Protein backbone atom coordinates (compact mmCIF):
# COMPACT_ATOMS: atom_id res chain seq x y z
CA MET A 1 82.08 65.03 132.09
CA PRO A 2 80.30 67.21 129.42
CA PRO A 3 82.62 68.67 126.87
CA HIS A 4 82.26 72.32 127.80
CA VAL A 5 84.06 71.96 131.15
CA THR A 6 84.27 75.71 131.94
CA LEU A 7 80.51 76.20 131.36
CA TYR A 8 79.78 73.03 133.45
CA HIS A 9 81.92 74.43 136.39
CA ILE A 10 80.14 77.72 136.12
CA ALA A 11 76.69 76.18 136.11
CA ILE A 12 77.16 74.01 139.11
CA PRO A 13 77.73 76.97 141.62
CA LEU A 14 74.90 78.96 140.05
CA TYR A 15 72.55 75.77 140.33
CA LEU A 16 73.33 75.30 143.90
CA SER A 17 73.37 79.07 144.86
CA TYR A 18 69.66 79.19 143.39
CA ARG A 19 68.65 76.21 145.47
CA ILE A 20 70.14 77.55 148.84
CA LEU A 21 68.95 81.13 148.29
CA LEU A 22 65.35 79.86 147.54
CA ALA A 23 65.32 77.41 150.40
CA ASN A 24 65.35 80.21 152.84
CA ARG A 25 63.02 82.52 151.04
CA LEU A 26 60.02 80.33 150.28
CA PRO A 27 57.22 79.80 153.06
CA ILE A 28 57.09 76.63 155.02
CA SER A 29 53.98 75.38 153.49
CA ASP A 30 53.59 72.04 155.36
CA CYS A 31 52.98 72.24 159.22
CA ASP A 32 54.03 68.61 159.45
CA GLU A 33 57.43 69.60 158.43
CA VAL A 34 57.58 72.03 161.52
CA TYR A 35 55.90 69.90 164.05
CA ASN A 36 57.13 66.44 163.19
CA TYR A 37 60.68 67.42 162.36
CA TRP A 38 61.88 70.89 163.17
CA GLU A 39 60.27 70.86 166.54
CA PRO A 40 61.81 67.62 167.73
CA LEU A 41 65.15 68.71 166.48
CA HIS A 42 64.72 71.97 168.33
CA TYR A 43 64.08 69.83 171.39
CA LEU A 44 67.22 67.79 170.84
CA LEU A 45 69.29 71.00 170.70
CA TYR A 46 67.59 73.32 173.32
CA GLN A 47 65.66 70.87 175.40
CA SER A 48 62.39 72.66 174.45
CA GLY A 49 59.81 72.49 171.51
CA LEU A 50 56.49 71.16 170.59
CA GLN A 51 55.68 67.42 170.61
CA VAL A 52 53.03 65.74 168.42
CA TRP A 53 51.31 62.51 169.12
CA GLU A 54 53.47 60.59 166.71
CA TYR A 55 56.36 61.01 169.10
CA ALA A 56 54.45 59.86 172.13
CA HIS A 57 55.94 56.94 173.77
CA GLU A 58 52.82 54.77 173.44
CA TYR A 59 52.64 55.38 169.56
CA ALA A 60 56.25 55.77 168.37
CA LEU A 61 55.50 56.61 164.83
CA ARG A 62 58.55 58.73 164.09
CA THR A 63 62.18 57.64 164.11
CA TYR A 64 64.74 59.78 165.81
CA ALA A 65 67.20 58.23 163.66
CA TYR A 66 65.90 60.59 160.80
CA LEU A 67 66.77 63.50 162.96
CA MET A 68 70.36 62.39 163.72
CA PRO A 69 72.32 63.66 160.64
CA LEU A 70 71.02 66.98 160.98
CA TYR A 71 71.37 66.94 164.69
CA GLY A 72 75.09 66.07 164.24
CA ILE A 73 75.50 68.91 161.74
CA ALA A 74 73.62 71.34 163.96
CA ARG A 75 76.05 70.74 166.84
CA VAL A 76 78.94 71.60 164.58
CA TYR A 77 77.21 74.82 163.26
CA ARG A 78 76.41 75.89 166.76
CA VAL A 79 80.07 75.74 167.62
CA LEU A 80 80.95 77.73 164.66
CA ILE A 81 78.33 80.36 165.35
CA ALA A 82 79.50 80.84 168.83
CA GLU A 83 83.13 81.24 167.83
CA ARG A 84 82.65 83.27 164.71
CA ARG A 85 79.49 85.00 165.41
CA GLU A 86 80.84 88.47 164.22
CA TRP A 87 81.01 87.21 160.61
CA VAL A 88 78.55 84.20 160.42
CA LEU A 89 75.50 86.42 161.34
CA PRO A 90 76.11 89.22 158.91
CA ALA A 91 76.85 86.76 156.21
CA LEU A 92 73.53 84.72 156.86
CA GLN A 93 71.44 88.11 156.71
CA LEU A 94 71.91 87.94 152.92
CA LEU A 95 69.95 84.53 153.09
CA ALA A 96 67.30 85.58 155.52
CA PRO A 97 63.77 85.96 154.16
CA HIS A 98 63.30 89.09 156.28
CA ASP A 99 65.17 92.17 157.39
CA GLU A 100 64.99 91.24 161.05
CA VAL A 101 68.02 90.59 163.24
CA VAL A 102 69.49 87.10 162.79
CA THR A 103 69.71 85.47 166.27
CA GLU A 104 71.78 82.45 167.09
CA LYS A 105 68.85 80.09 166.65
CA LEU A 106 67.62 81.58 163.50
CA ALA A 107 71.22 81.54 162.03
CA LEU A 108 71.23 77.84 162.81
CA PHE A 109 68.01 77.27 161.13
CA ILE A 110 69.03 79.23 157.89
CA MET A 111 72.30 77.12 157.96
CA LEU A 112 70.37 73.78 158.29
CA ARG A 113 67.89 74.57 155.51
CA SER A 114 70.76 75.71 153.31
CA THR A 115 72.57 72.30 153.96
CA ILE A 116 69.52 70.36 153.14
CA ALA A 117 69.14 72.46 149.88
CA LEU A 118 72.77 71.95 149.02
CA ALA A 119 72.52 68.17 149.44
CA THR A 120 69.45 67.97 147.21
CA GLY A 121 71.06 70.22 144.72
CA LEU A 122 74.17 67.90 144.61
CA ALA A 123 71.91 64.92 144.11
CA GLU A 124 70.11 66.70 141.14
CA ILE A 125 73.45 67.41 139.59
CA TYR A 126 74.76 63.96 140.11
CA TRP A 127 71.47 62.51 138.44
CA LEU A 128 71.83 64.87 135.47
CA SER A 129 75.42 64.20 134.96
CA CYS A 130 74.61 60.46 134.87
CA LEU A 131 71.89 61.07 132.41
CA TYR A 132 74.43 62.81 130.17
CA THR A 133 77.27 60.34 130.30
CA ASP A 134 75.65 56.92 130.93
CA THR A 135 72.42 57.14 128.73
CA LYS A 136 71.94 57.76 125.13
CA LEU A 137 70.01 60.85 125.64
CA ARG A 138 70.92 63.90 123.68
CA GLY A 139 72.62 66.71 125.30
CA ARG A 140 69.88 69.07 124.65
CA VAL A 141 67.39 66.77 126.42
CA VAL A 142 69.53 66.72 129.47
CA LEU A 143 70.19 70.71 129.20
CA TRP A 144 66.34 71.46 129.19
CA THR A 145 65.68 68.80 131.84
CA ALA A 146 68.32 70.64 134.05
CA LEU A 147 66.71 74.07 133.39
CA LEU A 148 63.15 72.95 133.99
CA LEU A 149 64.08 71.06 137.23
CA LEU A 150 65.96 74.10 138.56
CA VAL A 151 63.20 76.37 138.23
CA ASN A 152 60.32 73.97 139.16
CA PRO A 153 58.49 75.57 142.15
CA GLY A 154 57.61 72.11 143.44
CA MET A 155 61.23 70.96 143.34
CA THR A 156 62.42 74.33 144.86
CA HIS A 157 60.04 73.78 147.63
CA SER A 158 61.17 70.30 148.15
CA ALA A 159 65.11 71.05 148.06
CA GLY A 160 64.90 72.86 151.35
CA ALA A 161 62.38 70.90 153.29
CA PHE A 162 63.09 68.79 156.14
CA LEU A 163 60.63 65.89 155.18
CA PRO A 164 60.98 62.34 154.34
CA SER A 165 59.35 62.90 150.87
CA SER A 166 61.94 65.49 150.24
CA THR A 167 64.70 63.14 151.44
CA TRP A 168 63.36 60.51 149.22
CA THR A 169 63.15 62.83 146.17
CA ALA A 170 67.05 63.37 146.66
CA VAL A 171 67.82 59.69 147.44
CA SER A 172 65.73 58.53 144.39
CA LEU A 173 67.84 60.67 142.00
CA VAL A 174 71.03 59.34 143.71
CA CYS A 175 69.70 55.87 143.19
CA PHE A 176 68.71 56.44 139.56
CA GLY A 177 72.31 57.54 138.94
CA LEU A 178 73.92 54.60 140.65
CA ALA A 179 71.69 52.32 138.59
CA LEU A 180 72.74 54.23 135.45
CA GLN A 181 76.41 53.54 136.34
CA ARG A 182 75.78 50.10 137.22
CA LYS A 183 76.79 50.51 141.06
CA HIS A 184 74.37 47.90 142.17
CA LEU A 185 75.83 47.48 145.72
CA SER A 186 75.68 51.34 146.39
CA PHE A 187 72.20 51.49 144.85
CA CYS A 188 70.84 48.61 147.38
CA MET A 189 72.84 50.47 150.34
CA ALA A 190 71.33 53.76 149.68
CA ALA A 191 67.73 52.38 149.03
CA ILE A 192 67.85 50.29 152.30
CA VAL A 193 69.15 53.26 154.33
CA ALA A 194 66.47 55.53 153.13
CA THR A 195 63.71 53.00 153.65
CA LEU A 196 64.64 52.29 157.25
CA ALA A 197 66.15 55.52 158.47
CA THR A 198 63.66 58.04 157.24
CA GLY A 199 60.90 56.26 159.03
CA TRP A 200 58.73 56.57 155.82
CA PRO A 201 59.05 53.28 153.91
CA PHE A 202 56.49 54.20 151.36
CA GLY A 203 59.11 56.01 149.56
CA ALA A 204 60.76 52.82 148.37
CA ALA A 205 57.92 52.39 145.91
CA ILE A 206 59.52 54.87 143.31
CA LEU A 207 62.55 52.53 143.09
CA VAL A 208 60.72 49.39 142.47
CA PRO A 209 60.87 49.29 138.70
CA ILE A 210 64.59 50.07 138.37
CA GLY A 211 65.32 48.29 141.64
CA VAL A 212 64.12 44.95 140.06
CA ARG A 213 66.48 45.49 137.14
CA VAL A 214 69.40 46.26 139.52
CA PHE A 215 68.76 43.21 141.59
CA MET A 216 68.71 40.90 138.60
CA GLN A 217 71.95 42.48 137.45
CA LEU A 218 73.40 42.06 140.88
CA ALA A 219 72.19 38.57 141.10
CA GLN A 220 73.54 37.82 137.64
CA ALA A 221 77.05 39.24 138.47
CA ARG A 222 77.44 37.87 142.02
CA GLY A 223 75.02 34.92 142.17
CA MET A 224 71.45 34.95 143.47
CA LEU A 225 72.41 33.57 146.90
CA LYS A 226 75.19 36.12 147.35
CA ALA A 227 72.87 38.96 146.36
CA LEU A 228 70.16 37.85 148.83
CA ILE A 229 72.77 37.37 151.66
CA PHE A 230 74.01 41.03 151.02
CA LEU A 231 70.62 42.45 151.10
CA VAL A 232 69.67 40.41 154.27
CA VAL A 233 72.81 41.35 156.11
CA THR A 234 72.63 45.17 154.97
CA THR A 235 69.01 45.39 156.04
CA THR A 236 69.40 43.68 159.40
CA THR A 237 72.50 45.91 160.19
CA ILE A 238 70.69 49.19 159.27
CA GLN A 239 67.61 48.23 161.09
CA ALA A 240 69.44 47.27 164.25
CA MET A 241 71.24 50.70 164.05
CA VAL A 242 68.13 52.60 163.72
CA MET A 243 66.39 50.57 166.49
CA MET A 244 69.32 51.32 168.80
CA VAL A 245 68.85 55.12 168.18
CA ASP A 246 65.03 54.79 168.95
CA LYS A 247 65.81 52.63 171.90
CA GLN A 248 67.66 55.59 173.53
CA TYR A 249 64.81 58.22 172.93
CA TYR A 250 61.61 55.79 173.53
CA GLY A 251 63.13 53.85 176.18
CA VAL A 252 61.98 50.48 174.55
CA TRP A 253 62.84 48.47 171.51
CA THR A 254 60.54 49.68 168.77
CA SER A 255 60.45 50.19 165.06
CA PRO A 256 58.72 53.28 164.01
CA THR A 257 59.05 52.09 160.40
CA PHE A 258 56.96 49.11 161.07
CA ASN A 259 54.59 51.36 163.38
CA ILE A 260 53.77 53.84 160.75
CA PHE A 261 53.33 50.99 158.08
CA GLN A 262 50.91 49.34 160.43
CA TYR A 263 49.06 52.45 161.35
CA ASN A 264 48.53 53.61 157.73
CA ALA A 265 47.39 50.01 156.82
CA GLY A 266 44.75 50.36 159.77
CA SER A 267 41.04 50.90 159.10
CA GLY A 268 40.38 54.65 158.54
CA SER A 269 43.67 55.98 159.72
CA ASP A 270 44.50 57.28 156.19
CA SER A 271 41.19 59.31 156.29
CA LEU A 272 41.84 61.46 159.40
CA TYR A 273 43.93 64.15 157.73
CA GLY A 274 44.08 65.92 154.45
CA VAL A 275 41.50 63.94 152.61
CA GLU A 276 41.25 65.42 149.02
CA PRO A 277 39.98 64.44 145.52
CA ILE A 278 42.38 63.42 142.80
CA SER A 279 41.88 66.87 141.31
CA TYR A 280 43.78 68.26 144.21
CA TYR A 281 46.98 66.57 142.93
CA ILE A 282 46.22 67.50 139.29
CA LYS A 283 45.81 71.26 140.18
CA ASN A 284 49.07 71.06 142.18
CA ILE A 285 50.88 69.48 139.22
CA LEU A 286 49.59 72.12 136.86
CA VAL A 287 50.52 75.04 139.09
CA ASN A 288 54.09 73.73 140.06
CA ALA A 289 55.03 71.97 136.94
CA ASN A 290 52.87 73.68 134.24
CA LEU A 291 53.80 72.59 130.79
CA ALA A 292 56.39 70.10 132.14
CA GLY A 293 53.29 68.36 133.78
CA VAL A 294 51.41 68.28 130.51
CA PHE A 295 54.24 67.08 128.41
CA GLY A 296 55.71 64.67 131.11
CA ALA A 297 52.48 62.61 131.60
CA PRO A 298 52.47 60.76 128.17
CA ALA A 299 56.28 60.28 128.44
CA ILE A 300 56.04 56.65 129.61
CA VAL A 301 54.31 55.79 126.26
CA VAL A 302 56.50 57.90 124.05
CA SER A 303 59.64 56.76 125.58
CA TYR A 304 58.57 53.03 125.15
CA PHE A 305 58.96 53.62 121.38
CA THR A 306 61.81 55.98 121.42
CA GLN A 307 64.17 54.64 124.25
CA ARG A 308 64.16 50.83 123.49
CA ARG A 309 68.09 51.09 123.38
CA ASP A 310 68.05 52.41 126.90
CA TRP A 311 65.65 50.62 129.13
CA ASN A 312 66.91 52.40 132.22
CA VAL A 313 65.35 55.66 131.10
CA TRP A 314 62.03 53.96 130.35
CA LEU A 315 62.20 52.25 133.99
CA MET A 316 62.57 55.64 135.57
CA LEU A 317 59.59 57.01 133.87
CA LEU A 318 57.70 53.82 134.84
CA SER A 319 58.75 54.75 138.44
CA MET A 320 56.70 57.94 137.97
CA TRP A 321 53.51 56.07 137.37
CA VAL A 322 54.12 53.56 140.11
CA TRP A 323 54.27 56.59 142.50
CA VAL A 324 51.00 58.14 140.89
CA ALA A 325 49.32 54.68 141.38
CA MET A 326 50.25 54.63 145.07
CA THR A 327 49.75 58.29 146.08
CA PHE A 328 46.60 59.08 143.96
CA SER A 329 44.64 56.16 145.16
CA ARG A 330 45.02 57.14 148.96
CA PRO A 331 42.39 59.45 150.45
CA HIS A 332 45.15 61.36 152.46
CA LYS A 333 46.77 63.70 149.91
CA GLU A 334 49.43 66.19 150.60
CA GLU A 335 51.32 68.47 148.28
CA ARG A 336 54.72 66.99 149.78
CA PHE A 337 53.79 63.59 148.46
CA LEU A 338 54.24 64.97 144.84
CA PHE A 339 57.86 65.89 145.56
CA PRO A 340 59.46 62.73 143.88
CA LEU A 341 57.37 63.22 140.74
CA TYR A 342 58.91 66.64 139.66
CA PRO A 343 62.29 65.35 138.39
CA LEU A 344 60.78 62.66 136.34
CA LEU A 345 58.07 64.84 134.99
CA CYS A 346 60.78 67.27 133.90
CA LEU A 347 62.72 64.48 132.15
CA GLY A 348 59.56 63.04 130.61
CA ALA A 349 58.58 66.34 129.30
CA THR A 350 61.78 67.00 127.47
CA LEU A 351 61.77 63.48 126.01
CA THR A 352 58.13 64.01 124.62
CA LEU A 353 58.98 67.31 123.06
CA ASP A 354 62.17 66.00 121.56
CA ALA A 355 60.22 63.13 120.08
CA ALA A 356 57.72 65.42 118.81
CA CYS A 357 60.49 67.44 117.11
CA ASN A 358 61.88 64.18 115.61
CA ALA A 359 58.37 63.38 114.22
CA ALA A 360 58.04 66.86 112.80
CA GLY A 361 61.41 66.43 111.08
CA ARG A 362 60.35 63.22 109.49
CA LEU A 363 57.09 64.73 108.27
CA ILE A 364 59.05 67.58 106.85
CA GLY A 365 61.64 65.26 105.39
CA ALA A 366 58.71 63.49 103.38
CA PHE A 367 58.27 66.77 101.45
CA SER A 368 61.76 68.14 101.18
CA ARG A 369 65.34 67.21 100.69
CA ARG A 370 66.14 67.67 104.35
CA LYS A 371 65.51 64.41 106.05
CA GLU A 372 65.58 65.70 109.65
CA LEU A 373 65.71 68.94 111.60
CA SER A 374 69.01 70.57 112.37
CA GLY A 375 70.34 70.68 115.76
CA ARG A 376 69.76 74.45 115.79
CA THR A 377 66.18 73.93 114.73
CA ARG A 378 65.57 71.29 117.42
CA MET A 379 67.03 73.65 120.11
CA LEU A 380 64.59 76.35 118.78
CA CYS A 381 61.79 74.00 119.05
CA HIS A 382 62.59 73.36 122.76
CA ALA A 383 63.00 76.84 123.47
CA MET A 384 59.76 77.98 121.99
CA VAL A 385 57.98 75.73 124.55
CA TRP A 386 60.27 75.72 127.55
CA ILE A 387 61.18 79.46 127.94
CA PRO A 388 57.40 80.26 128.49
CA ALA A 389 57.36 77.24 130.97
CA VAL A 390 60.47 78.74 132.73
CA MET A 391 58.91 82.18 132.97
CA LEU A 392 55.67 80.51 134.35
CA SER A 393 57.81 78.73 137.08
CA LEU A 394 59.55 81.84 138.09
CA ALA A 395 56.35 83.84 138.35
CA ARG A 396 54.95 80.94 140.61
CA THR A 397 58.01 81.08 142.84
CA ALA A 398 57.85 84.90 142.94
CA ALA A 399 54.23 84.55 144.04
CA LEU A 400 55.17 82.30 146.92
CA THR A 401 57.94 84.45 148.26
CA LYS A 402 55.96 87.69 148.04
CA TYR A 403 52.40 86.55 149.05
CA TYR A 404 52.88 83.91 151.69
CA THR A 405 56.08 84.69 153.67
CA ALA A 406 54.47 86.87 156.38
CA PRO A 407 54.73 84.23 159.16
CA LEU A 408 58.56 84.16 158.69
CA HIS A 409 58.70 87.99 158.98
CA LEU A 410 56.31 88.21 161.98
CA TYR A 411 58.06 85.46 164.18
CA ALA A 412 61.47 86.82 163.27
CA ALA A 413 60.25 90.32 164.58
CA LEU A 414 60.25 88.82 168.07
CA ALA A 415 64.02 88.77 167.86
CA ARG A 416 64.12 92.72 168.48
CA GLN A 417 61.61 92.55 171.47
CA ASP A 418 63.12 93.31 174.79
CA ILE A 419 62.35 90.15 176.59
CA ASP A 420 64.08 91.05 179.95
CA ALA A 421 61.96 94.12 180.02
CA THR A 422 58.79 92.12 180.72
CA GLY A 423 60.22 91.45 184.31
CA SER A 424 58.96 87.83 184.07
CA GLN A 425 61.21 84.93 185.28
CA ASP A 426 58.82 82.22 183.69
CA GLU A 427 58.54 81.15 179.97
CA LEU A 428 56.65 83.81 178.02
CA LEU A 429 54.11 82.85 175.50
CA VAL A 430 53.39 84.17 171.87
CA CYS A 431 49.92 82.75 171.15
CA THR A 432 47.97 82.26 167.89
CA CYS A 433 44.43 80.95 167.12
CA GLY A 434 43.63 79.55 163.72
CA GLU A 435 47.25 80.56 162.42
CA TRP A 436 48.92 77.63 164.37
CA TYR A 437 49.73 75.65 161.20
CA ARG A 438 51.75 78.45 159.75
CA PHE A 439 54.21 78.72 162.74
CA PRO A 440 57.67 78.39 161.27
CA SER A 441 59.14 76.62 164.34
CA SER A 442 60.68 77.38 167.60
CA PHE A 443 63.96 78.34 165.86
CA PHE A 444 62.30 81.69 165.21
CA LEU A 445 61.48 82.26 168.88
CA PRO A 446 63.81 84.01 171.40
CA ASP A 447 65.03 82.12 174.33
CA HIS A 448 62.51 81.60 177.05
CA VAL A 449 59.59 82.08 174.75
CA GLN A 450 57.18 79.40 173.63
CA LEU A 451 54.07 79.07 171.34
CA GLY A 452 50.70 78.88 172.97
CA PHE A 453 47.34 78.01 171.41
CA LEU A 454 44.12 79.83 171.80
CA PRO A 455 40.82 78.27 170.84
CA SER A 456 39.79 78.59 167.19
CA SER A 457 37.60 76.79 164.69
CA PHE A 458 40.13 73.96 164.46
CA LYS A 459 38.76 71.11 166.44
CA GLY A 460 41.52 68.69 166.14
CA GLN A 461 44.57 67.70 168.18
CA LEU A 462 47.26 70.16 168.61
CA PRO A 463 50.83 69.63 169.93
CA GLN A 464 52.00 70.26 173.55
CA PRO A 465 55.51 71.18 174.90
CA PHE A 466 57.99 68.26 175.24
CA SER A 467 58.65 67.35 178.85
CA GLU A 468 62.11 66.91 180.22
CA PHE A 469 61.62 63.04 179.51
CA GLY A 470 61.01 63.63 175.72
CA SER A 471 59.44 60.47 174.30
CA LEU A 472 60.33 58.07 177.48
CA SER A 473 57.62 56.36 179.30
CA GLN A 474 58.10 58.91 182.20
CA SER A 475 56.54 61.53 180.02
CA HIS A 476 53.13 60.30 180.92
CA MET A 477 53.46 61.65 184.51
CA VAL A 478 53.77 65.23 183.21
CA LEU A 479 52.12 65.51 179.82
CA GLN A 480 48.39 65.60 178.88
CA PRO A 481 47.10 62.68 176.97
CA PHE A 482 47.69 62.12 173.27
CA ASN A 483 45.29 60.31 170.97
CA ASP A 484 45.77 58.77 167.37
CA ARG A 485 42.35 59.78 166.17
CA ASN A 486 42.86 63.56 165.66
CA LEU A 487 40.36 64.28 168.46
CA GLU A 488 40.52 67.69 170.26
CA GLU A 489 42.34 67.91 173.59
CA THR A 490 41.26 71.06 175.29
CA SER A 491 44.15 70.79 177.61
CA ARG A 492 46.22 72.21 174.79
CA TYR A 493 44.74 75.62 175.01
CA VAL A 494 46.07 78.46 177.19
CA SER A 495 44.11 81.54 178.53
CA LEU A 496 44.35 84.79 176.88
CA ASP A 497 45.88 86.52 179.99
CA LYS A 498 48.90 84.30 179.96
CA CYS A 499 49.87 85.60 176.30
CA GLU A 500 52.49 88.10 176.05
CA TRP A 501 52.19 88.33 172.24
CA ILE A 502 49.58 87.29 169.76
CA VAL A 503 49.91 86.43 166.02
CA ASP A 504 46.83 86.48 163.90
CA LEU A 505 45.31 87.71 160.57
CA GLN A 506 43.41 91.20 160.45
CA PRO A 507 40.83 92.13 159.92
CA GLY A 508 38.67 89.50 161.25
CA SER A 509 40.81 88.25 164.17
CA ASP A 510 38.78 87.24 167.42
CA CYS A 511 42.13 86.63 169.29
CA ILE A 512 43.63 90.08 169.55
CA PRO A 513 42.00 92.26 172.14
CA GLN A 514 41.40 95.86 171.19
CA SER A 515 43.69 97.17 173.75
CA SER A 516 46.60 95.41 172.27
CA THR A 517 49.36 97.25 170.44
CA ILE A 518 50.58 96.18 166.97
CA ILE A 519 54.24 95.97 166.98
CA ALA A 520 54.74 94.40 163.57
CA ARG A 521 52.77 93.70 160.52
CA ALA A 522 53.24 92.06 157.11
CA PRO A 523 51.03 91.50 153.96
CA PHE A 524 49.50 88.00 153.47
CA LEU A 525 47.43 87.27 150.42
CA ASP A 526 43.81 86.96 150.83
CA ALA A 527 43.14 84.08 148.50
CA SER A 528 39.36 84.16 148.82
CA LYS A 529 39.23 87.71 147.32
CA THR A 530 42.06 87.48 144.86
CA SER A 531 41.40 85.97 141.28
CA THR A 532 43.03 82.58 140.71
CA LEU A 533 45.51 83.91 138.20
CA HIS A 534 46.95 86.54 140.58
CA ARG A 535 47.20 84.39 143.50
CA VAL A 536 49.04 81.63 141.52
CA LEU A 537 51.38 83.83 139.51
CA HIS A 538 53.28 87.11 140.42
CA VAL A 539 54.40 89.33 137.49
CA PRO A 540 55.62 92.72 138.99
CA TYR A 541 54.00 95.37 136.68
CA TRP A 542 50.82 93.29 136.15
CA HIS A 543 50.49 92.81 139.81
CA GLU A 544 50.37 96.36 140.59
CA ILE A 545 47.77 97.09 137.97
CA ALA A 546 45.67 94.23 139.17
CA ALA A 547 45.92 95.64 142.81
CA THR A 548 44.74 99.02 141.76
CA GLN A 549 41.76 97.28 139.89
CA GLY A 550 40.78 95.46 143.17
CA GLN A 551 41.73 91.93 141.69
CA VAL A 552 44.36 91.45 144.54
CA HIS A 553 43.68 91.76 148.27
CA PHE A 554 45.82 91.15 151.37
CA PHE A 555 45.26 90.60 154.85
CA ASP A 556 47.61 92.00 157.61
CA TYR A 557 49.46 89.32 159.35
CA VAL A 558 49.99 90.88 162.69
CA LEU A 559 52.26 90.53 165.84
CA ALA A 560 50.47 92.40 168.64
CA ARG A 561 51.55 92.78 172.38
CA ARG A 562 48.61 92.25 174.63
CA ARG A 563 49.64 94.40 177.57
CA MET A 564 49.35 98.11 177.65
CA ASN A 565 53.10 99.06 178.08
CA ASP A 566 53.79 97.81 174.51
CA LEU A 567 56.27 99.16 172.13
CA PRO A 568 54.86 101.42 169.48
CA GLU A 569 54.24 99.97 165.98
CA GLN A 570 57.31 99.94 163.76
């Protein structure tokens, strides 16, 4: 426990509050989070949602076990919302990213994202506490690491995301802390559960360097044979539990963990989606980590010479480069794959700067009586670098919340539409063309409303609604075919005359008929016409000046009602 107990206890609620607030105010930037995780969860809760091919019976690339913890929590929250609606919904309005009415489904979504952010925040605090109490790092290094980590836009995005890479980010921090405290059995248990239950075994790579050390220490303490028996028994037990869950939903004994590993190892399967050059990752690190990315990269070399008394710290930084070697070498690149790097970059950055301050102190000491820099001077040295970095991070976060959250506003605006006034007894459709990948999930849609897809320039495979059979083999009788090559399936499209509402960008939309009535709109940044600096950062006064000078441009993200008896624009 740090010596300043009062300050410590004040800092924790503030840290967690920041995580929870931003989790619900940032855009959902990855459509895989929506279609691979939020939509199946919505199906489990409400028996409706969109299914992607990874959940098809014949492929079974996603494990339902990963959904189970949040599914259980969601069922408890639904009871709470139903019984305490009068105070739960107004309270959640404070967290909502929009001014729209918070429906029960949207309230549940906000509570679930808040729960994910809370869990991630607690994992961060545990890791930071272990760095302070169980390493030889100076207090100022941990303090600045905490501040950089808190405001890091990439980590802020990861904290509230329902993605295996986000889960692995939190799990890796817990495992690092357990390793520092020499809780070897708990480390192994957490690593095995995360590897098998997330359905994304690749995350285990970040634990390999420190994991080898943990296993050797465990074998030394308990004997190699006992250590191996423990690992085998634990792995077998967890795998059996995961397969039992998937047996219930797929109807056959299968291992999605093995299936996804086999699929990614297949020829060309890693080149079907999101193929980018290495510069894509470098740009993302510079945007989301700024100076921490620059100072954090060489930390593995610096710490080798400065942390010889504490090899666990060096092994954590080695984990960063193991992750870089694995992710940078693959053709399929996604921003979410960088999430586990951000905590280690923040730690490495502060270590590098602290080593630079020490070197500067020794250099100054060669020409003066003072042999090293004072504590205040070192703190000033850190502040001169990290305060600008913090301001850049906050400006990046502000840009994300101001420029790219229009989809959250527009779909939430459906909550105030009078669904009963349509007179239809069937499911109503809100349709979209090229903006399908910004759909924030069915939690934003009223009851009896589903998302429909209109043809667009995208020619890949789109989701389709879950059938009553879910991922069971009987779903083949009612669903259109899936494929694992991202080939277009025209059966996914609906005709325009079946759409009650349409969501798209204006100007330039080919989907919205001229006779439609615009019932809601929100600004969405036009990145192609906005200068790089202004689409990356948002500084209030500077932004307004740039907008008047034509350096910042916006689309209108529009919710339109196709029929003629629409409500007037609000």
